[in-house]
C-alpha atoms as a PDB file:
ATOM      1  CA  MET A   1       0.000   0.000   0.000  1.00  0.00           C
ATOM      2  CA  ALA A   2       1.323   3.422  -0.949  1.00  0.00           C
ATOM      3  CA  THR A   3       2.237   5.906   1.725  1.00  0.00           C
ATOM      4  CA  LEU A   4       0.278   9.129   2.009  1.00  0.00           C
ATOM      5  CA  LEU A   5       3.161  11.121   0.531  1.00  0.00           C
ATOM      6  CA  GLU A   6       3.294   8.776  -2.488  1.00  0.00           C
ATOM      7  CA  ARG A   7      -0.474   9.081  -2.948  1.00  0.00           C
ATOM      8  CA  LEU A   8      -0.215  12.872  -2.766  1.00  0.00           C
ATOM      9  CA  THR A   9       2.557  12.905  -5.369  1.00  0.00           C
ATOM     10  CA  ASN A  10       0.559  10.729  -7.767  1.00  0.00           C
ATOM     11  CA  ASP A  11      -2.642  12.702  -7.181  1.00  0.00           C
ATOM     12  CA  LEU A  12      -0.770  15.965  -7.754  1.00  0.00           C
ATOM     13  CA  LYS A  13       0.282  14.709 -11.184  1.00  0.00           C
ATOM     14  CA  ASP A  14      -3.302  13.663 -11.946  1.00  0.00           C
ATOM     15  CA  ALA A  15      -4.655  17.046 -10.837  1.00  0.00           C
ATOM     16  CA  MET A  16      -2.110  18.821 -13.020  1.00  0.00           C
ATOM     17  CA  ARG A  17      -3.076  16.705 -16.033  1.00  0.00           C
ATOM     18  CA  ALA A  18      -6.774  17.373 -15.378  1.00  0.00           C
ATOM     19  CA  ALA A  19      -6.163  21.111 -14.860  1.00  0.00           C
ATOM     20  CA  ASP A  20      -7.920  20.862 -11.484  1.00  0.00           C
ATOM     21  CA  THR A  21      -6.415  23.981  -9.916  1.00  0.00           C
ATOM     22  CA  VAL A  22      -8.124  23.717  -6.530  1.00  0.00           C
ATOM     23  CA  ARG A  23      -6.973  20.138  -6.008  1.00  0.00           C
ATOM     24  CA  ARG A  24      -3.508  20.851  -7.418  1.00  0.00           C
ATOM     25  CA  ASP A  25      -2.942  23.875  -5.213  1.00  0.00           C
ATOM     26  CA  GLU A  26      -4.270  22.192  -2.072  1.00  0.00           C
ATOM     27  CA  ILE A  27      -2.106  19.096  -2.578  1.00  0.00           C
ATOM     28  CA  ARG A  28       0.930  21.310  -3.173  1.00  0.00           C
ATOM     29  CA  SER A  29       0.164  23.249  -0.026  1.00  0.00           C
ATOM     30  CA  LEU A  30      -0.283  20.074   2.012  1.00  0.00           C
ATOM     31  CA  MET A  31       2.976  18.639   0.675  1.00  0.00           C
ATOM     32  CA  ALA A  32       4.771  21.880   1.550  1.00  0.00           C
ATOM     33  CA  GLN A  33       3.432  21.673   5.087  1.00  0.00           C
ATOM     34  CA  ILE A  34       4.616  18.053   5.350  1.00  0.00           C
ATOM     35  CA  LYS A  35       8.081  19.012   4.084  1.00  0.00           C
ATOM     36  CA  ALA A  36       8.224  21.904   6.565  1.00  0.00           C
ATOM     37  CA  GLU A  37       7.373  19.483   9.377  1.00  0.00           C
ATOM     38  CA  GLN A  38      10.087  17.126   8.109  1.00  0.00           C
ATOM     39  CA  GLN A  39      12.621  19.961   8.161  1.00  0.00           C
ATOM     40  CA  ALA A  40      11.545  21.006  11.654  1.00  0.00           C
ATOM     41  CA  LYS A  41      11.989  17.423  12.873  1.00  0.00           C
ATOM     42  CA  LEU A  42      15.470  17.285  11.332  1.00  0.00           C
ATOM     43  CA  THR A  43      16.410  20.606  12.902  1.00  0.00           C
ATOM     44  CA  ARG A  44      15.206  19.438  16.333  1.00  0.00           C
ATOM     45  CA  ALA A  45      17.154  16.174  16.000  1.00  0.00           C
ATOM     46  CA  LEU A  46      20.351  17.987  14.987  1.00  0.00           C
ATOM     47  CA  ASP A  47      19.912  20.505  17.799  1.00  0.00           C
ATOM     48  CA  GLU A  48      19.376  17.766  20.407  1.00  0.00           C
ATOM     49  CA  ARG A  49      22.677  16.169  19.399  1.00  0.00           C
ATOM     50  CA  GLY A  50      24.546  19.489  19.349  1.00  0.00           C
ATOM     51  CA  LEU A  51      25.086  19.258  15.604  1.00  0.00           C
ATOM     52  CA  LEU A  52      23.173  22.383  14.678  1.00  0.00           C
ATOM     53  CA  LEU A  53      25.789  24.987  13.942  1.00  0.00           C
ATOM     54  CA  GLY A  54      25.174  28.708  14.110  1.00  0.00           C
ATOM     55  CA  VAL A  55      25.575  30.767  10.978  1.00  0.00           C
ATOM     56  CA  GLU A  56      28.647  32.927  10.987  1.00  0.00           C
ATOM     57  CA  SER A  57      29.678  35.534   8.530  1.00  0.00           C
ATOM     58  CA  GLU A  58      31.843  34.557   5.571  1.00  0.00           C
ATOM     59  CA  GLU A  59      34.645  36.685   6.992  1.00  0.00           C
ATOM     60  CA  ASP A  60      34.936  34.299   9.961  1.00  0.00           C
ATOM     61  CA  GLY A  61      35.421  31.394   7.584  1.00  0.00           C
ATOM     62  CA  GLY A  62      32.271  29.643   8.772  1.00  0.00           C
ATOM     63  CA  HIS A  63      32.264  26.267  10.510  1.00  0.00           C
ATOM     64  CA  VAL A  64      34.348  23.351   9.409  1.00  0.00           C
ATOM     65  CA  LEU A  65      32.862  19.991  10.288  1.00  0.00           C
ATOM     66  CA  SER A  66      34.955  17.085  11.425  1.00  0.00           C
ATOM     67  CA  PRO A  67      34.460  13.755   9.656  1.00  0.00           C
ATOM     68  CA  GLU A  68      32.726  12.459  12.817  1.00  0.00           C
ATOM     69  CA  GLN A  69      30.291  15.379  12.792  1.00  0.00           C
ATOM     70  CA  GLU A  70      29.562  14.899   9.094  1.00  0.00           C
ATOM     71  CA  ALA A  71      28.891  11.190   9.684  1.00  0.00           C
ATOM     72  CA  ALA A  72      26.614  11.993  12.647  1.00  0.00           C
ATOM     73  CA  ILE A  73      24.702  14.564  10.578  1.00  0.00           C
ATOM     74  CA  ALA A  74      24.298  12.075   7.714  1.00  0.00           C
ATOM     75  CA  SER A  75      22.998   9.489  10.179  1.00  0.00           C
ATOM     76  CA  VAL A  76      20.496  11.932  11.679  1.00  0.00           C
ATOM     77  CA  ARG A  77      19.313  12.964   8.200  1.00  0.00           C
ATOM     78  CA  ALA A  78      18.803   9.340   7.204  1.00  0.00           C
ATOM     79  CA  ASN A  79      16.762   8.570  10.324  1.00  0.00           C
ATOM     80  CA  SER A  80      14.724  11.739  10.747  1.00  0.00           C
ATOM     81  CA  GLY A  81      12.023  11.227   8.132  1.00  0.00           C
ATOM     82  CA  LEU A  82       8.415  11.541   9.202  1.00  0.00           C
ATOM     83  CA  THR A  83       6.548   8.400  10.131  1.00  0.00           C
ATOM     84  CA  GLU A  84       3.190   7.724   8.502  1.00  0.00           C
ATOM     85  CA  ASP A  85       1.508   8.741  11.787  1.00  0.00           C
ATOM     86  CA  GLU A  86       3.360  12.067  11.793  1.00  0.00           C
ATOM     87  CA  VAL A  87       2.307  12.717   8.190  1.00  0.00           C
ATOM     88  CA  GLN A  88      -1.296  11.890   9.176  1.00  0.00           C
ATOM     89  CA  ALA A  89      -0.996  14.337  12.099  1.00  0.00           C
ATOM     90  CA  VAL A  90      -0.027  17.121   9.659  1.00  0.00           C
ATOM     91  CA  LEU A  91      -3.061  16.239   7.552  1.00  0.00           C
ATOM     92  CA  VAL A  92      -5.364  16.254  10.585  1.00  0.00           C
ATOM     93  CA  ARG A  93      -4.017  19.660  11.690  1.00  0.00           C
ATOM     94  CA  ARG A  94      -4.687  21.008   8.223  1.00  0.00           C
ATOM     95  CA  VAL A  95      -8.276  19.714   8.213  1.00  0.00           C
ATOM     96  CA  VAL A  96      -8.832  21.260  11.661  1.00  0.00           C
ATOM     97  CA  GLN A  97      -7.489  24.581  10.361  1.00  0.00           C
ATOM     98  CA  HIS A  98      -9.906  24.411   7.439  1.00  0.00           C
ATOM     99  CA  ARG A  99     -12.824  23.668   9.801  1.00  0.00           C
ATOM    100  CA  GLN A 100     -11.904  26.655  11.965  1.00  0.00           C
ATOM    101  CA  SER A 101     -11.698  28.891   8.905  1.00  0.00           C
ATOM    102  CA  ILE A 102     -15.049  27.600   7.658  1.00  0.00           C
ATOM    103  CA  ASP A 103     -16.651  28.415  11.025  1.00  0.00           C
ATOM    104  CA  ALA A 104     -15.134  31.899  10.961  1.00  0.00           C
ATOM    105  CA  PHE A 105     -16.266  32.539   7.387  1.00  0.00           C
ATOM    106  CA  LYS A 106     -19.797  31.408   8.236  1.00  0.00           C
ATOM    107  CA  LYS A 107     -19.921  33.810  11.171  1.00  0.00           C
ATOM    108  CA  GLY A 108     -18.539  36.599   9.006  1.00  0.00           C
ATOM    109  CA  ASN A 109     -20.993  35.939   6.158  1.00  0.00           C
ATOM    110  CA  ARG A 110     -18.134  35.438   3.690  1.00  0.00           C
ATOM    111  CA  ALA A 111     -19.717  33.000   1.238  1.00  0.00           C
ATOM    112  CA  ASP A 112     -16.958  33.604  -1.329  1.00  0.00           C
ATOM    113  CA  LEU A 113     -14.183  32.527   1.042  1.00  0.00           C
ATOM    114  CA  LEU A 114     -16.345  29.815   2.578  1.00  0.00           C
ATOM    115  CA  GLN A 115     -16.758  28.087  -0.760  1.00  0.00           C
ATOM    116  CA  VAL A 116     -12.997  28.052  -1.414  1.00  0.00           C
ATOM    117  CA  GLU A 117     -12.209  26.791   2.081  1.00  0.00           C
ATOM    118  CA  GLU A 118     -14.799  23.997   1.840  1.00  0.00           C
ATOM    119  CA  ALA A 119     -13.343  22.879  -1.492  1.00  0.00           C
ATOM    120  CA  GLN A 120      -9.841  22.800   0.007  1.00  0.00           C
ATOM    121  CA  MET A 121     -11.021  20.862   3.041  1.00  0.00           C
ATOM    122  CA  ALA A 122     -12.776  18.326   0.804  1.00  0.00           C
ATOM    123  CA  VAL A 123      -9.468  17.649  -0.950  1.00  0.00           C
ATOM    124  CA  ASP A 124      -7.654  17.111   2.371  1.00  0.00           C
ATOM    125  CA  ALA A 125     -10.471  15.106   3.946  1.00  0.00           C
ATOM    126  CA  ALA A 126     -10.290  12.584   1.108  1.00  0.00           C
ATOM    127  CA  TYR A 127      -6.886  11.478   2.467  1.00  0.00           C
ATOM    128  CA  LEU A 128      -8.080  10.899   6.024  1.00  0.00           C
ATOM    129  CA  PRO A 129      -8.610   7.256   6.881  1.00  0.00           C
ATOM    130  CA  GLN A 130     -12.257   7.036   7.897  1.00  0.00           C
ATOM    131  CA  LEU A 131     -13.818   4.345  10.032  1.00  0.00           C
ATOM    132  CA  ASP A 132     -17.309   3.156   9.213  1.00  0.00           C
ATOM    133  CA  GLU A 133     -20.238   4.077  11.459  1.00  0.00           C
ATOM    134  CA  ALA A 134     -20.353   0.651  13.126  1.00  0.00           C
ATOM    135  CA  ALA A 135     -16.676   0.829  14.130  1.00  0.00           C
ATOM    136  CA  ILE A 136     -17.120   4.340  15.514  1.00  0.00           C
ATOM    137  CA  GLU A 137     -20.215   3.305  17.471  1.00  0.00           C
ATOM    138  CA  HIS A 138     -18.352   0.295  18.869  1.00  0.00           C
ATOM    139  CA  ALA A 139     -15.424   2.505  19.931  1.00  0.00           C
ATOM    140  CA  ILE A 140     -17.805   4.956  21.640  1.00  0.00           C
ATOM    141  CA  GLN A 141     -19.642   2.186  23.507  1.00  0.00           C
ATOM    142  CA  ALA A 142     -16.320   0.649  24.593  1.00  0.00           C
ATOM    143  CA  ALA A 143     -14.967   4.002  25.827  1.00  0.00           C
ATOM    144  CA  ILE A 144     -18.144   4.711  27.820  1.00  0.00           C
ATOM    145  CA  ALA A 145     -17.970   1.264  29.423  1.00  0.00           C
ATOM    146  CA  GLU A 146     -14.227   1.579  30.081  1.00  0.00           C
ATOM    147  CA  SER A 147     -14.526   5.022  31.678  1.00  0.00           C
ATOM    148  CA  GLY A 148     -17.643   4.113  33.661  1.00  0.00           C
ATOM    149  CA  ALA A 149     -19.262   7.402  32.613  1.00  0.00           C
ATOM    150  CA  THR A 150     -22.969   7.720  33.390  1.00  0.00           C
ATOM    151  CA  SER A 151     -23.659  11.454  32.979  1.00  0.00           C
ATOM    152  CA  LEU A 152     -22.794  14.390  30.745  1.00  0.00           C
ATOM    153  CA  ARG A 153     -20.382  15.642  33.406  1.00  0.00           C
ATOM    154  CA  GLU A 154     -18.158  12.678  32.630  1.00  0.00           C
ATOM    155  CA  GLN A 155     -18.003  13.326  28.896  1.00  0.00           C
ATOM    156  CA  GLY A 156     -14.381  14.480  29.237  1.00  0.00           C
ATOM    157  CA  LYS A 157     -13.283  11.039  30.438  1.00  0.00           C
ATOM    158  CA  VAL A 158     -14.893   9.372  27.449  1.00  0.00           C
ATOM    159  CA  MET A 159     -13.592  11.907  24.942  1.00  0.00           C
ATOM    160  CA  SER A 160     -10.023  11.642  26.220  1.00  0.00           C
ATOM    161  CA  LEU A 161     -10.123   7.900  25.516  1.00  0.00           C
ATOM    162  CA  LEU A 162     -11.758   8.376  22.129  1.00  0.00           C
ATOM    163  CA  SER A 163      -9.457  11.172  21.084  1.00  0.00           C
ATOM    164  CA  ALA A 164      -6.447   8.894  21.280  1.00  0.00           C
ATOM    165  CA  ARG A 165      -8.241   6.121  19.397  1.00  0.00           C
ATOM    166  CA  LEU A 166     -10.178   8.005  16.732  1.00  0.00           C
ATOM    167  CA  ARG A 167      -8.323  11.255  16.017  1.00  0.00           C
ATOM    168  CA  GLY A 168      -7.798  11.481  12.274  1.00  0.00           C
ATOM    169  CA  LYS A 169     -10.067   8.519  11.632  1.00  0.00           C
ATOM    170  CA  ALA A 170     -13.441  10.053  12.460  1.00  0.00           C
ATOM    171  CA  ASP A 171     -15.116  13.434  12.707  1.00  0.00           C
ATOM    172  CA  MET A 172     -14.533  14.218  16.379  1.00  0.00           C
ATOM    173  CA  LYS A 173     -17.419  16.716  16.485  1.00  0.00           C
ATOM    174  CA  ALA A 174     -19.821  13.991  15.417  1.00  0.00           C
ATOM    175  CA  VAL A 175     -18.226  11.599  17.915  1.00  0.00           C
ATOM    176  CA  ALA A 176     -18.663  14.148  20.724  1.00  0.00           C
ATOM    177  CA  ALA A 177     -22.307  14.676  19.753  1.00  0.00           C
ATOM    178  CA  ARG A 178     -22.939  10.914  19.841  1.00  0.00           C
ATOM    179  CA  VAL A 179     -21.207  10.615  23.241  1.00  0.00           C
ATOM    180  CA  GLN A 180     -23.411  13.422  24.592  1.00  0.00           C
ATOM    181  CA  GLU A 181     -26.498  11.706  23.238  1.00  0.00           C
ATOM    182  CA  LEU A 182     -25.608   8.360  24.817  1.00  0.00           C
ATOM    183  CA  LEU A 183     -24.633   9.897  28.166  1.00  0.00           C
ATOM    184  CA  ALA A 184     -27.860  11.938  28.239  1.00  0.00           C
ATOM    185  CA  GLN A 185     -29.821   8.727  27.633  1.00  0.00           C
ATOM    186  CA  ALA A 186     -27.884   6.955  30.378  1.00  0.00           C
ATOM    187  CA  ALA A 187     -28.535   9.789  32.824  1.00  0.00           C
ATOM    188  CA  ALA A 188     -32.251   9.849  31.946  1.00  0.00           C
ATOM    189  CA  THR A 189     -32.670   6.106  32.571  1.00  0.00           C
ATOM    190  CA  SER A 190     -30.872   6.110  35.903  1.00  0.00           C
END
């Protein structure tokens, strides 16, 4: 199975061939964000090992790396790629940003910007792995049973369990609404 980055690369080519500018631009933007996260991870890894050298002026001659430092940097570079989960996390953050923008545009009565933002989010959302309704319902029931929650006051316990299990795989707003519904029913029957 292809990684998300491979799928994005192939879909970018398809969007370019089809002259689908919205899809093309959104995939490019998502890939840029993934590459920026990759670079940030590399920078953090180099900094943690003391291999991140400050920039000096050309007059100072700059830094000269020892062969050991160069080997350590090459090793860090080779091992600092993003995992599939980290790439998914970038995608989830991007979808959340789109949702926040959509909410803001709705409140501001900006239908023109709302339409663009919804189209961009639809492109990103297509790459999220989605669970079916039955799997989500099962996860919710299991989290309620595991947490022992019986009222709406205990929704936080349930959501903390579900967040770890379902983030990026389900619409968390819909999950929260279903948890509220089930906890309200449980409180009403007890």
